[in-house]
Amino acid sequence: MDPIQPQPPQPPQLPQPSSGQPNLAPSHGDTGVRWVLVRAAALGFLIVIAVIAMVWLVSIPLFSLGQPPINGGSVPPVTIQPDQSMTSPTITTTVLPSTTTDQLPKNSEVFVSIGPKTLAGRITVGLDGGPGKAMVKEISVRLTRPDGFVATGSMDMQAEFPEVTLQGSKSSDRVEVFVRLLSGKTYKVIDEMVSYRQRI
């Protein structure tokens, strides 16, 4: 009699599907993975749409800034027929430049002042004294109106209070004051605009 040989353990046998039937064993992990993939795809699609919308909204103002104006900024010409008349008031304004003034030599300075305009537009320029009054031969004033009219005058140096009055405009006038010393040299000591202030 042969001794009983121990048999090694056999792995469990899985049931075999019958012929013609596929294996339909459900996998619980496949359903969760599919749901995560669908949600990730939807989220990615929404992000792409949001980025495209932001780029589009930002690029519209940038493109509009670089566009030239309509018709290249040109103004269409206006044609006036021969039988039509177009009148407009003519306003003439002269730009009065301001220049620098000169400084009198030491010990020959004089003090000249410009008074306020009167209601009629007259301006008075007077000599208020100074250490160089005895060295002055002549003080002349030149007034230039906005319309280009020029008025000039000189002070009487023998008067107790030398002054000169000139007729200005009811606007801003340029006033220049020139001092000529006994040496013969002339200095421009004042060059300023004098405005008209209507008094109540």
N, C-alpha and C. Protein backbone atom coordinates (compact mmCIF):
# COMPACT_ATOMS: atom_id res chain seq x y z
N MET A 1 0.87 -1.17 0.00
CA MET A 1 0.00 0.00 0.00
C MET A 1 0.90 1.20 0.00
N ASP A 2 0.52 2.14 -0.94
CA ASP A 2 1.37 3.36 -1.07
C ASP A 2 0.99 4.35 0.01
N PRO A 3 2.00 5.02 0.50
CA PRO A 3 1.67 6.05 1.53
C PRO A 3 0.96 7.22 0.89
N ILE A 4 0.09 7.89 1.65
CA ILE A 4 -0.73 9.02 1.13
C ILE A 4 0.18 10.21 0.98
N GLN A 5 0.21 10.68 -0.26
CA GLN A 5 1.04 11.86 -0.58
C GLN A 5 0.23 13.12 -0.30
N PRO A 6 0.76 14.05 0.46
CA PRO A 6 -0.01 15.32 0.69
C PRO A 6 -0.08 16.13 -0.59
N GLN A 7 -1.26 16.65 -0.91
CA GLN A 7 -1.48 17.47 -2.12
C GLN A 7 -1.30 18.95 -1.78
N PRO A 8 -0.62 19.68 -2.65
CA PRO A 8 -0.47 21.14 -2.40
C PRO A 8 -1.80 21.85 -2.54
N PRO A 9 -2.01 22.89 -1.83
CA PRO A 9 -3.32 23.61 -1.92
C PRO A 9 -3.52 24.23 -3.29
N GLN A 10 -4.70 24.09 -3.80
CA GLN A 10 -5.03 24.62 -5.12
C GLN A 10 -5.68 25.99 -4.97
N PRO A 11 -5.38 26.94 -5.86
CA PRO A 11 -6.03 28.27 -5.81
C PRO A 11 -7.50 28.14 -6.10
N PRO A 12 -8.29 29.01 -5.50
CA PRO A 12 -9.74 28.91 -5.75
C PRO A 12 -10.05 29.19 -7.21
N GLN A 13 -10.98 28.43 -7.72
CA GLN A 13 -11.38 28.56 -9.11
C GLN A 13 -12.53 29.56 -9.21
N LEU A 14 -12.36 30.57 -10.11
CA LEU A 14 -13.43 31.55 -10.36
C LEU A 14 -14.46 30.93 -11.25
N PRO A 15 -15.69 31.27 -11.02
CA PRO A 15 -16.72 30.68 -11.90
C PRO A 15 -16.54 31.19 -13.31
N GLN A 16 -16.58 30.30 -14.24
CA GLN A 16 -16.41 30.65 -15.65
C GLN A 16 -17.77 31.00 -16.23
N PRO A 17 -17.78 32.10 -16.99
CA PRO A 17 -19.07 32.44 -17.61
C PRO A 17 -19.44 31.43 -18.64
N SER A 18 -20.71 31.32 -18.77
CA SER A 18 -21.19 30.37 -19.76
C SER A 18 -20.87 30.88 -21.14
N SER A 19 -20.84 29.98 -22.08
CA SER A 19 -20.46 30.36 -23.44
C SER A 19 -21.44 31.36 -23.99
N GLY A 20 -20.92 32.40 -24.71
CA GLY A 20 -21.77 33.42 -25.35
C GLY A 20 -22.15 34.55 -24.44
N GLN A 21 -21.77 34.61 -23.17
CA GLN A 21 -22.13 35.68 -22.24
C GLN A 21 -20.87 36.36 -21.76
N PRO A 22 -20.78 37.73 -21.93
CA PRO A 22 -19.60 38.44 -21.45
C PRO A 22 -19.62 38.58 -19.95
N ASN A 23 -18.44 38.88 -19.43
CA ASN A 23 -18.31 39.04 -17.99
C ASN A 23 -18.81 40.44 -17.62
N LEU A 24 -19.95 40.56 -16.93
CA LEU A 24 -20.59 41.83 -16.59
C LEU A 24 -20.41 42.18 -15.13
N ALA A 25 -19.32 41.71 -14.55
CA ALA A 25 -19.12 42.01 -13.13
C ALA A 25 -18.87 43.50 -12.97
N PRO A 26 -19.73 44.23 -12.25
CA PRO A 26 -19.57 45.69 -12.13
C PRO A 26 -18.35 46.02 -11.29
N SER A 27 -17.69 47.12 -11.69
CA SER A 27 -16.54 47.63 -10.93
C SER A 27 -16.94 48.97 -10.32
N HIS A 28 -16.97 49.03 -9.00
CA HIS A 28 -17.40 50.24 -8.33
C HIS A 28 -16.42 51.39 -8.54
N GLY A 29 -15.15 51.11 -8.77
CA GLY A 29 -14.15 52.17 -8.98
C GLY A 29 -14.31 52.87 -10.32
N ASP A 30 -14.78 52.15 -11.37
CA ASP A 30 -14.93 52.75 -12.70
C ASP A 30 -15.95 53.87 -12.69
N THR A 31 -17.04 53.77 -12.00
CA THR A 31 -18.07 54.80 -11.98
C THR A 31 -17.55 56.08 -11.33
N GLY A 32 -16.83 56.01 -10.24
CA GLY A 32 -16.27 57.19 -9.57
C GLY A 32 -15.23 57.89 -10.43
N VAL A 33 -14.41 57.12 -11.13
CA VAL A 33 -13.38 57.71 -12.00
C VAL A 33 -14.03 58.45 -13.15
N ARG A 34 -15.06 57.84 -13.74
CA ARG A 34 -15.76 58.50 -14.85
C ARG A 34 -16.38 59.82 -14.39
N TRP A 35 -16.98 59.86 -13.22
CA TRP A 35 -17.62 61.08 -12.71
C TRP A 35 -16.58 62.18 -12.45
N VAL A 36 -15.42 61.81 -11.94
CA VAL A 36 -14.36 62.79 -11.72
C VAL A 36 -13.84 63.33 -13.04
N LEU A 37 -13.68 62.47 -14.02
CA LEU A 37 -13.19 62.91 -15.34
C LEU A 37 -14.18 63.86 -16.02
N VAL A 38 -15.49 63.58 -15.90
CA VAL A 38 -16.51 64.45 -16.50
C VAL A 38 -16.48 65.83 -15.83
N ARG A 39 -16.40 65.85 -14.51
CA ARG A 39 -16.36 67.13 -13.81
C ARG A 39 -15.10 67.93 -14.15
N ALA A 40 -13.96 67.25 -14.26
CA ALA A 40 -12.70 67.93 -14.61
C ALA A 40 -12.77 68.51 -16.01
N ALA A 41 -13.37 67.76 -16.94
CA ALA A 41 -13.49 68.27 -18.32
C ALA A 41 -14.41 69.49 -18.37
N ALA A 42 -15.52 69.46 -17.63
CA ALA A 42 -16.44 70.61 -17.62
C ALA A 42 -15.77 71.82 -17.00
N LEU A 43 -15.03 71.62 -15.91
CA LEU A 43 -14.33 72.74 -15.27
C LEU A 43 -13.26 73.33 -16.19
N GLY A 44 -12.52 72.48 -16.87
CA GLY A 44 -11.51 72.96 -17.81
C GLY A 44 -12.14 73.76 -18.95
N PHE A 45 -13.29 73.30 -19.45
CA PHE A 45 -13.99 74.01 -20.53
C PHE A 45 -14.42 75.41 -20.06
N LEU A 46 -14.96 75.48 -18.84
CA LEU A 46 -15.38 76.78 -18.30
C LEU A 46 -14.19 77.73 -18.13
N ILE A 47 -13.05 77.21 -17.69
CA ILE A 47 -11.86 78.06 -17.53
C ILE A 47 -11.40 78.60 -18.87
N VAL A 48 -11.39 77.75 -19.88
CA VAL A 48 -10.99 78.21 -21.22
C VAL A 48 -11.92 79.30 -21.73
N ILE A 49 -13.22 79.15 -21.54
CA ILE A 49 -14.19 80.16 -21.98
C ILE A 49 -13.96 81.46 -21.24
N ALA A 50 -13.70 81.40 -19.92
CA ALA A 50 -13.48 82.61 -19.12
C ALA A 50 -12.22 83.34 -19.58
N VAL A 51 -11.15 82.59 -19.87
CA VAL A 51 -9.90 83.23 -20.33
C VAL A 51 -10.11 83.91 -21.67
N ILE A 52 -10.81 83.26 -22.59
CA ILE A 52 -11.09 83.86 -23.91
C ILE A 52 -11.91 85.12 -23.75
N ALA A 53 -12.91 85.10 -22.87
CA ALA A 53 -13.75 86.29 -22.67
C ALA A 53 -12.93 87.44 -22.08
N MET A 54 -12.04 87.16 -21.13
CA MET A 54 -11.22 88.23 -20.53
C MET A 54 -10.29 88.83 -21.57
N VAL A 55 -9.64 87.99 -22.38
CA VAL A 55 -8.73 88.50 -23.41
C VAL A 55 -9.49 89.36 -24.40
N TRP A 56 -10.69 88.95 -24.75
CA TRP A 56 -11.49 89.71 -25.72
C TRP A 56 -11.90 91.08 -25.15
N LEU A 57 -12.33 91.09 -23.86
CA LEU A 57 -12.75 92.35 -23.25
C LEU A 57 -11.58 93.32 -23.08
N VAL A 58 -10.39 92.80 -22.78
CA VAL A 58 -9.23 93.68 -22.60
C VAL A 58 -8.72 94.20 -23.94
N SER A 59 -8.81 93.39 -24.99
CA SER A 59 -8.24 93.79 -26.28
C SER A 59 -9.09 94.81 -27.02
N ILE A 60 -10.40 94.91 -26.73
CA ILE A 60 -11.26 95.87 -27.45
C ILE A 60 -10.82 97.31 -27.20
N PRO A 61 -10.63 97.77 -25.94
CA PRO A 61 -10.19 99.16 -25.74
C PRO A 61 -8.80 99.42 -26.32
N LEU A 62 -7.90 98.42 -26.26
CA LEU A 62 -6.56 98.64 -26.80
C LEU A 62 -6.60 98.85 -28.30
N PHE A 63 -7.43 98.08 -28.99
CA PHE A 63 -7.54 98.26 -30.44
C PHE A 63 -8.19 99.57 -30.80
N SER A 64 -9.18 100.02 -29.99
CA SER A 64 -9.87 101.27 -30.30
C SER A 64 -8.97 102.47 -30.08
N LEU A 65 -7.96 102.38 -29.12
CA LEU A 65 -7.07 103.51 -28.89
C LEU A 65 -6.16 103.76 -30.08
N GLY A 66 -5.77 102.73 -30.76
CA GLY A 66 -4.85 102.90 -31.87
C GLY A 66 -5.50 103.25 -33.18
N GLN A 67 -6.83 103.28 -33.24
CA GLN A 67 -7.50 103.56 -34.50
C GLN A 67 -7.49 105.04 -34.80
N PRO A 68 -7.21 105.43 -36.04
CA PRO A 68 -7.25 106.86 -36.40
C PRO A 68 -8.67 107.36 -36.42
N PRO A 69 -8.88 108.67 -36.23
CA PRO A 69 -10.23 109.21 -36.29
C PRO A 69 -10.82 109.06 -37.68
N ILE A 70 -12.10 109.20 -37.74
CA ILE A 70 -12.81 109.07 -39.01
C ILE A 70 -12.32 110.15 -39.96
N ASN A 71 -12.14 109.77 -41.23
CA ASN A 71 -11.65 110.67 -42.28
C ASN A 71 -10.25 111.18 -41.98
N GLY A 72 -9.49 110.44 -41.15
CA GLY A 72 -8.14 110.86 -40.85
C GLY A 72 -8.05 112.15 -40.08
N GLY A 73 -9.12 112.55 -39.39
CA GLY A 73 -9.08 113.78 -38.62
C GLY A 73 -9.28 115.03 -39.44
N SER A 74 -9.58 114.88 -40.73
CA SER A 74 -9.75 116.05 -41.56
C SER A 74 -11.15 116.62 -41.40
N VAL A 75 -11.28 117.92 -41.56
CA VAL A 75 -12.56 118.60 -41.43
C VAL A 75 -13.09 118.82 -42.84
N PRO A 76 -14.32 118.39 -43.10
CA PRO A 76 -14.84 118.58 -44.46
C PRO A 76 -14.95 120.06 -44.80
N PRO A 77 -14.60 120.44 -46.03
CA PRO A 77 -14.67 121.85 -46.41
C PRO A 77 -16.11 122.35 -46.47
N VAL A 78 -16.28 123.62 -46.18
CA VAL A 78 -17.59 124.25 -46.24
C VAL A 78 -17.65 125.11 -47.50
N THR A 79 -18.62 124.85 -48.32
CA THR A 79 -18.77 125.58 -49.57
C THR A 79 -19.85 126.64 -49.40
N ILE A 80 -19.53 127.87 -49.76
CA ILE A 80 -20.48 128.97 -49.69
C ILE A 80 -20.87 129.36 -51.11
N GLN A 81 -22.14 129.32 -51.36
CA GLN A 81 -22.63 129.68 -52.69
C GLN A 81 -22.45 131.18 -52.92
N PRO A 82 -22.31 131.61 -54.17
CA PRO A 82 -22.12 133.03 -54.45
C PRO A 82 -23.23 133.92 -53.93
N ASP A 83 -24.47 133.40 -53.88
CA ASP A 83 -25.57 134.25 -53.45
C ASP A 83 -25.71 134.29 -51.93
N GLN A 84 -24.86 133.53 -51.21
CA GLN A 84 -24.93 133.53 -49.75
C GLN A 84 -23.83 134.43 -49.20
N SER A 85 -24.10 135.02 -48.06
CA SER A 85 -23.09 135.85 -47.40
C SER A 85 -22.91 135.37 -45.97
N MET A 86 -21.68 135.39 -45.52
CA MET A 86 -21.40 134.97 -44.16
C MET A 86 -20.56 136.06 -43.51
N THR A 87 -21.10 136.65 -42.46
CA THR A 87 -20.39 137.73 -41.79
C THR A 87 -20.09 137.31 -40.37
N SER A 88 -18.96 137.74 -39.86
CA SER A 88 -18.58 137.48 -38.48
C SER A 88 -17.78 138.67 -37.99
N PRO A 89 -17.91 138.99 -36.70
CA PRO A 89 -17.18 140.14 -36.19
C PRO A 89 -15.67 139.90 -36.23
N THR A 90 -14.93 140.92 -36.62
CA THR A 90 -13.48 140.82 -36.70
C THR A 90 -12.88 141.37 -35.42
N ILE A 91 -12.08 140.53 -34.76
CA ILE A 91 -11.43 140.94 -33.51
C ILE A 91 -9.93 140.94 -33.76
N THR A 92 -9.30 142.08 -33.58
CA THR A 92 -7.87 142.21 -33.77
C THR A 92 -7.19 142.31 -32.41
N THR A 93 -6.28 141.37 -32.18
CA THR A 93 -5.55 141.37 -30.92
C THR A 93 -4.07 141.26 -31.23
N THR A 94 -3.31 142.17 -30.69
CA THR A 94 -1.86 142.16 -30.88
C THR A 94 -1.20 141.58 -29.63
N VAL A 95 -0.38 140.56 -29.84
CA VAL A 95 0.34 139.97 -28.71
C VAL A 95 1.52 140.88 -28.39
N LEU A 96 1.55 141.38 -27.18
CA LEU A 96 2.58 142.31 -26.77
C LEU A 96 3.67 141.56 -26.00
N PRO A 97 4.84 141.38 -26.62
CA PRO A 97 5.89 140.64 -25.92
C PRO A 97 6.47 141.45 -24.78
N SER A 98 6.95 140.76 -23.78
CA SER A 98 7.58 141.42 -22.64
C SER A 98 9.07 141.15 -22.70
N THR A 99 9.85 142.19 -22.51
CA THR A 99 11.30 142.03 -22.57
C THR A 99 11.89 142.35 -21.21
N THR A 100 13.17 142.05 -21.09
CA THR A 100 13.84 142.31 -19.83
C THR A 100 14.14 143.79 -19.68
N THR A 101 14.35 144.20 -18.45
CA THR A 101 14.66 145.60 -18.17
C THR A 101 16.13 145.75 -17.77
N ASP A 102 16.59 147.01 -17.78
CA ASP A 102 17.97 147.31 -17.43
C ASP A 102 18.06 147.80 -15.98
N GLN A 103 19.23 147.65 -15.41
CA GLN A 103 19.47 148.14 -14.06
C GLN A 103 20.39 149.36 -14.15
N LEU A 104 19.94 150.43 -13.51
CA LEU A 104 20.74 151.66 -13.53
C LEU A 104 22.03 151.47 -12.72
N PRO A 105 23.08 152.19 -13.09
CA PRO A 105 24.33 152.07 -12.32
C PRO A 105 24.13 152.50 -10.87
N LYS A 106 25.02 152.04 -10.03
CA LYS A 106 24.94 152.35 -8.61
C LYS A 106 25.03 153.86 -8.38
N ASN A 107 24.24 154.34 -7.46
CA ASN A 107 24.13 155.76 -7.08
C ASN A 107 23.46 156.61 -8.15
N SER A 108 22.91 155.98 -9.19
CA SER A 108 22.14 156.74 -10.19
C SER A 108 20.73 156.18 -10.33
N GLU A 109 20.28 155.43 -9.32
CA GLU A 109 18.94 154.84 -9.38
C GLU A 109 17.87 155.89 -9.15
N VAL A 110 16.74 155.71 -9.84
CA VAL A 110 15.55 156.54 -9.63
C VAL A 110 14.36 155.61 -9.47
N PHE A 111 13.33 156.11 -8.80
CA PHE A 111 12.13 155.32 -8.54
C PHE A 111 10.99 155.85 -9.39
N VAL A 112 10.50 155.02 -10.29
CA VAL A 112 9.41 155.38 -11.20
C VAL A 112 8.24 154.46 -10.91
N SER A 113 7.04 155.03 -10.84
CA SER A 113 5.85 154.23 -10.55
C SER A 113 4.78 154.47 -11.61
N ILE A 114 3.95 153.46 -11.82
CA ILE A 114 2.83 153.53 -12.77
C ILE A 114 1.55 153.52 -11.95
N GLY A 115 0.75 154.57 -12.12
CA GLY A 115 -0.51 154.65 -11.40
C GLY A 115 -1.57 153.77 -12.04
N PRO A 116 -2.68 153.52 -11.35
CA PRO A 116 -3.76 152.71 -11.92
C PRO A 116 -4.45 153.45 -13.06
N LYS A 117 -5.05 152.69 -13.93
CA LYS A 117 -5.79 153.28 -15.05
C LYS A 117 -7.05 153.97 -14.53
N THR A 118 -7.40 155.06 -15.22
CA THR A 118 -8.67 155.71 -14.91
C THR A 118 -9.79 154.99 -15.64
N LEU A 119 -11.02 155.39 -15.38
CA LEU A 119 -12.15 154.79 -16.07
C LEU A 119 -12.08 155.03 -17.57
N ALA A 120 -11.44 156.14 -17.96
CA ALA A 120 -11.30 156.43 -19.39
C ALA A 120 -10.12 155.69 -20.01
N GLY A 121 -9.31 155.01 -19.21
CA GLY A 121 -8.19 154.25 -19.74
C GLY A 121 -6.87 154.99 -19.71
N ARG A 122 -6.81 156.18 -19.09
CA ARG A 122 -5.56 156.94 -19.03
C ARG A 122 -4.64 156.37 -17.96
N ILE A 123 -3.33 156.44 -18.25
CA ILE A 123 -2.30 155.92 -17.34
C ILE A 123 -1.32 157.03 -17.04
N THR A 124 -0.98 157.21 -15.76
CA THR A 124 -0.02 158.22 -15.34
C THR A 124 1.23 157.53 -14.79
N VAL A 125 2.39 157.96 -15.31
CA VAL A 125 3.68 157.45 -14.86
C VAL A 125 4.41 158.61 -14.19
N GLY A 126 4.89 158.39 -12.97
CA GLY A 126 5.53 159.47 -12.22
C GLY A 126 6.88 159.09 -11.66
N LEU A 127 7.72 160.13 -11.42
CA LEU A 127 9.02 159.95 -10.81
C LEU A 127 8.88 160.20 -9.31
N ASP A 128 9.26 159.21 -8.51
CA ASP A 128 9.11 159.30 -7.06
C ASP A 128 10.42 159.64 -6.36
N GLY A 129 11.44 160.03 -7.10
CA GLY A 129 12.72 160.38 -6.50
C GLY A 129 13.75 159.31 -6.68
N GLY A 130 14.80 159.36 -5.86
CA GLY A 130 15.89 158.40 -5.95
C GLY A 130 17.23 159.11 -5.88
N PRO A 131 18.29 158.39 -5.51
CA PRO A 131 19.61 159.02 -5.38
C PRO A 131 20.18 159.56 -6.69
N GLY A 132 19.71 159.05 -7.83
CA GLY A 132 20.26 159.49 -9.11
C GLY A 132 19.40 160.51 -9.84
N LYS A 133 18.46 161.13 -9.14
CA LYS A 133 17.56 162.07 -9.80
C LYS A 133 18.33 163.22 -10.46
N ALA A 134 19.39 163.71 -9.81
CA ALA A 134 20.16 164.81 -10.38
C ALA A 134 20.97 164.38 -11.59
N MET A 135 21.13 163.07 -11.81
CA MET A 135 21.92 162.58 -12.94
C MET A 135 21.05 162.24 -14.14
N VAL A 136 19.71 162.40 -13.99
CA VAL A 136 18.78 162.04 -15.08
C VAL A 136 18.57 163.25 -15.99
N LYS A 137 18.72 163.00 -17.29
CA LYS A 137 18.47 164.06 -18.27
C LYS A 137 17.04 164.01 -18.78
N GLU A 138 16.50 162.79 -18.97
CA GLU A 138 15.15 162.67 -19.52
C GLU A 138 14.56 161.32 -19.12
N ILE A 139 13.24 161.32 -18.86
CA ILE A 139 12.48 160.08 -18.65
C ILE A 139 11.34 160.09 -19.63
N SER A 140 11.32 159.10 -20.51
CA SER A 140 10.26 159.00 -21.53
C SER A 140 9.46 157.72 -21.32
N VAL A 141 8.19 157.78 -21.75
CA VAL A 141 7.28 156.66 -21.59
C VAL A 141 6.68 156.31 -22.94
N ARG A 142 6.60 155.01 -23.22
CA ARG A 142 5.96 154.54 -24.45
C ARG A 142 4.85 153.57 -24.08
N LEU A 143 3.64 153.83 -24.57
CA LEU A 143 2.47 152.99 -24.29
C LEU A 143 2.02 152.36 -25.60
N THR A 144 1.84 151.04 -25.59
CA THR A 144 1.39 150.31 -26.78
C THR A 144 0.07 149.62 -26.46
N ARG A 145 -0.96 149.96 -27.27
CA ARG A 145 -2.29 149.36 -27.06
C ARG A 145 -2.37 148.01 -27.77
N PRO A 146 -3.39 147.22 -27.46
CA PRO A 146 -3.55 145.92 -28.12
C PRO A 146 -3.77 146.05 -29.63
N ASP A 147 -4.34 147.18 -30.10
CA ASP A 147 -4.58 147.33 -31.53
C ASP A 147 -3.34 147.81 -32.28
N GLY A 148 -2.21 147.99 -31.57
CA GLY A 148 -0.97 148.39 -32.22
C GLY A 148 -0.68 149.88 -32.14
N PHE A 149 -1.62 150.68 -31.66
CA PHE A 149 -1.40 152.13 -31.54
C PHE A 149 -0.37 152.40 -30.46
N VAL A 150 0.57 153.33 -30.74
CA VAL A 150 1.65 153.66 -29.80
C VAL A 150 1.53 155.12 -29.41
N ALA A 151 1.56 155.39 -28.09
CA ALA A 151 1.55 156.76 -27.58
C ALA A 151 2.82 156.96 -26.76
N THR A 152 3.46 158.13 -26.93
CA THR A 152 4.70 158.41 -26.21
C THR A 152 4.59 159.76 -25.50
N GLY A 153 5.44 159.94 -24.49
CA GLY A 153 5.48 161.21 -23.76
C GLY A 153 6.72 161.27 -22.89
N SER A 154 7.11 162.47 -22.51
CA SER A 154 8.29 162.68 -21.66
C SER A 154 7.91 163.50 -20.44
N MET A 155 8.62 163.28 -19.35
CA MET A 155 8.38 164.02 -18.11
C MET A 155 9.14 165.35 -18.14
N ASP A 156 8.58 166.34 -17.50
CA ASP A 156 9.25 167.62 -17.32
C ASP A 156 10.13 167.50 -16.08
N MET A 157 11.44 167.37 -16.29
CA MET A 157 12.35 167.13 -15.18
C MET A 157 12.51 168.35 -14.28
N GLN A 158 12.01 169.53 -14.72
CA GLN A 158 12.10 170.72 -13.89
C GLN A 158 10.92 170.85 -12.93
N ALA A 159 9.88 169.99 -13.16
CA ALA A 159 8.70 170.05 -12.30
C ALA A 159 9.02 169.48 -10.92
N GLU A 160 8.22 169.92 -9.94
CA GLU A 160 8.44 169.42 -8.59
C GLU A 160 8.17 167.92 -8.49
N PHE A 161 7.09 167.48 -9.17
CA PHE A 161 6.75 166.06 -9.23
C PHE A 161 6.62 165.67 -10.71
N PRO A 162 7.70 165.30 -11.38
CA PRO A 162 7.65 164.96 -12.80
C PRO A 162 6.74 163.76 -13.05
N GLU A 163 5.88 163.87 -14.05
CA GLU A 163 5.01 162.77 -14.44
C GLU A 163 4.53 163.00 -15.85
N VAL A 164 3.97 161.95 -16.46
CA VAL A 164 3.40 162.02 -17.79
C VAL A 164 2.17 161.11 -17.82
N THR A 165 1.10 161.57 -18.50
CA THR A 165 -0.15 160.80 -18.61
C THR A 165 -0.39 160.48 -20.07
N LEU A 166 -0.68 159.22 -20.34
CA LEU A 166 -0.93 158.76 -21.71
C LEU A 166 -2.30 158.07 -21.76
N GLN A 167 -2.92 158.16 -22.96
CA GLN A 167 -4.23 157.55 -23.14
C GLN A 167 -4.06 156.09 -23.53
N GLY A 168 -4.54 155.20 -22.65
CA GLY A 168 -4.51 153.77 -22.94
C GLY A 168 -5.87 153.27 -23.39
N SER A 169 -6.02 151.97 -23.36
CA SER A 169 -7.28 151.34 -23.79
C SER A 169 -7.99 150.77 -22.57
N LYS A 170 -9.19 150.28 -22.80
CA LYS A 170 -9.93 149.60 -21.73
C LYS A 170 -9.63 148.10 -21.80
N SER A 171 -8.34 147.83 -21.88
CA SER A 171 -7.83 146.47 -21.93
C SER A 171 -6.43 146.50 -21.31
N SER A 172 -5.58 145.58 -21.66
CA SER A 172 -4.22 145.56 -21.14
C SER A 172 -3.28 146.28 -22.11
N ASP A 173 -2.52 147.25 -21.62
CA ASP A 173 -1.58 148.01 -22.43
C ASP A 173 -0.16 147.74 -21.93
N ARG A 174 0.77 147.82 -22.87
CA ARG A 174 2.17 147.66 -22.52
C ARG A 174 2.78 149.04 -22.24
N VAL A 175 3.43 149.17 -21.09
CA VAL A 175 4.05 150.45 -20.70
C VAL A 175 5.55 150.22 -20.54
N GLU A 176 6.34 151.03 -21.27
CA GLU A 176 7.79 150.98 -21.19
C GLU A 176 8.30 152.35 -20.73
N VAL A 177 9.21 152.35 -19.78
CA VAL A 177 9.78 153.58 -19.25
C VAL A 177 11.28 153.57 -19.50
N PHE A 178 11.80 154.67 -20.11
CA PHE A 178 13.21 154.79 -20.45
C PHE A 178 13.82 155.97 -19.69
N VAL A 179 14.97 155.75 -19.10
CA VAL A 179 15.68 156.79 -18.36
C VAL A 179 16.99 157.08 -19.10
N ARG A 180 17.17 158.36 -19.49
CA ARG A 180 18.41 158.77 -20.15
C ARG A 180 19.21 159.62 -19.19
N LEU A 181 20.42 159.17 -18.89
CA LEU A 181 21.28 159.88 -17.94
C LEU A 181 22.04 161.00 -18.66
N LEU A 182 22.69 161.84 -17.84
CA LEU A 182 23.49 162.93 -18.40
C LEU A 182 24.66 162.40 -19.24
N SER A 183 25.06 161.19 -18.97
CA SER A 183 26.14 160.57 -19.75
C SER A 183 25.72 160.25 -21.17
N GLY A 184 24.40 160.29 -21.43
CA GLY A 184 23.89 159.99 -22.76
C GLY A 184 23.39 158.56 -22.91
N LYS A 185 23.62 157.70 -21.95
CA LYS A 185 23.19 156.31 -22.03
C LYS A 185 21.75 156.18 -21.57
N THR A 186 20.96 155.36 -22.29
CA THR A 186 19.54 155.17 -21.99
C THR A 186 19.32 153.77 -21.44
N TYR A 187 18.48 153.69 -20.41
CA TYR A 187 18.15 152.42 -19.77
C TYR A 187 16.63 152.25 -19.76
N LYS A 188 16.21 151.02 -20.07
CA LYS A 188 14.78 150.70 -19.94
C LYS A 188 14.57 150.15 -18.53
N VAL A 189 13.86 150.89 -17.69
CA VAL A 189 13.70 150.50 -16.29
C VAL A 189 12.37 149.82 -16.00
N ILE A 190 11.38 149.99 -16.88
CA ILE A 190 10.06 149.35 -16.68
C ILE A 190 9.57 148.84 -18.03
N ASP A 191 9.05 147.63 -18.03
CA ASP A 191 8.39 147.06 -19.21
C ASP A 191 7.35 146.07 -18.69
N GLU A 192 6.10 146.51 -18.60
CA GLU A 192 5.07 145.65 -18.03
C GLU A 192 3.72 145.93 -18.65
N MET A 193 2.81 144.96 -18.43
CA MET A 193 1.45 145.08 -18.93
C MET A 193 0.58 145.69 -17.83
N VAL A 194 -0.18 146.71 -18.19
CA VAL A 194 -1.07 147.37 -17.24
C VAL A 194 -2.50 147.05 -17.66
N SER A 195 -3.24 146.38 -16.79
CA SER A 195 -4.59 145.96 -17.12
C SER A 195 -5.60 147.00 -16.69
N TYR A 196 -6.78 146.89 -17.28
CA TYR A 196 -7.88 147.82 -16.98
C TYR A 196 -8.81 147.16 -15.99
N ARG A 197 -9.06 147.84 -14.90
CA ARG A 197 -9.99 147.32 -13.88
C ARG A 197 -11.15 148.27 -13.77
N GLN A 198 -12.29 147.81 -14.18
CA GLN A 198 -13.48 148.65 -14.14
C GLN A 198 -13.94 148.83 -12.68
N ARG A 199 -14.12 150.05 -12.31
CA ARG A 199 -14.52 150.34 -10.93
C ARG A 199 -16.05 150.48 -10.84
N ILE A 200 -16.60 150.06 -9.73
CA ILE A 200 -18.05 150.15 -9.54
C ILE A 200 -18.37 151.42 -8.79
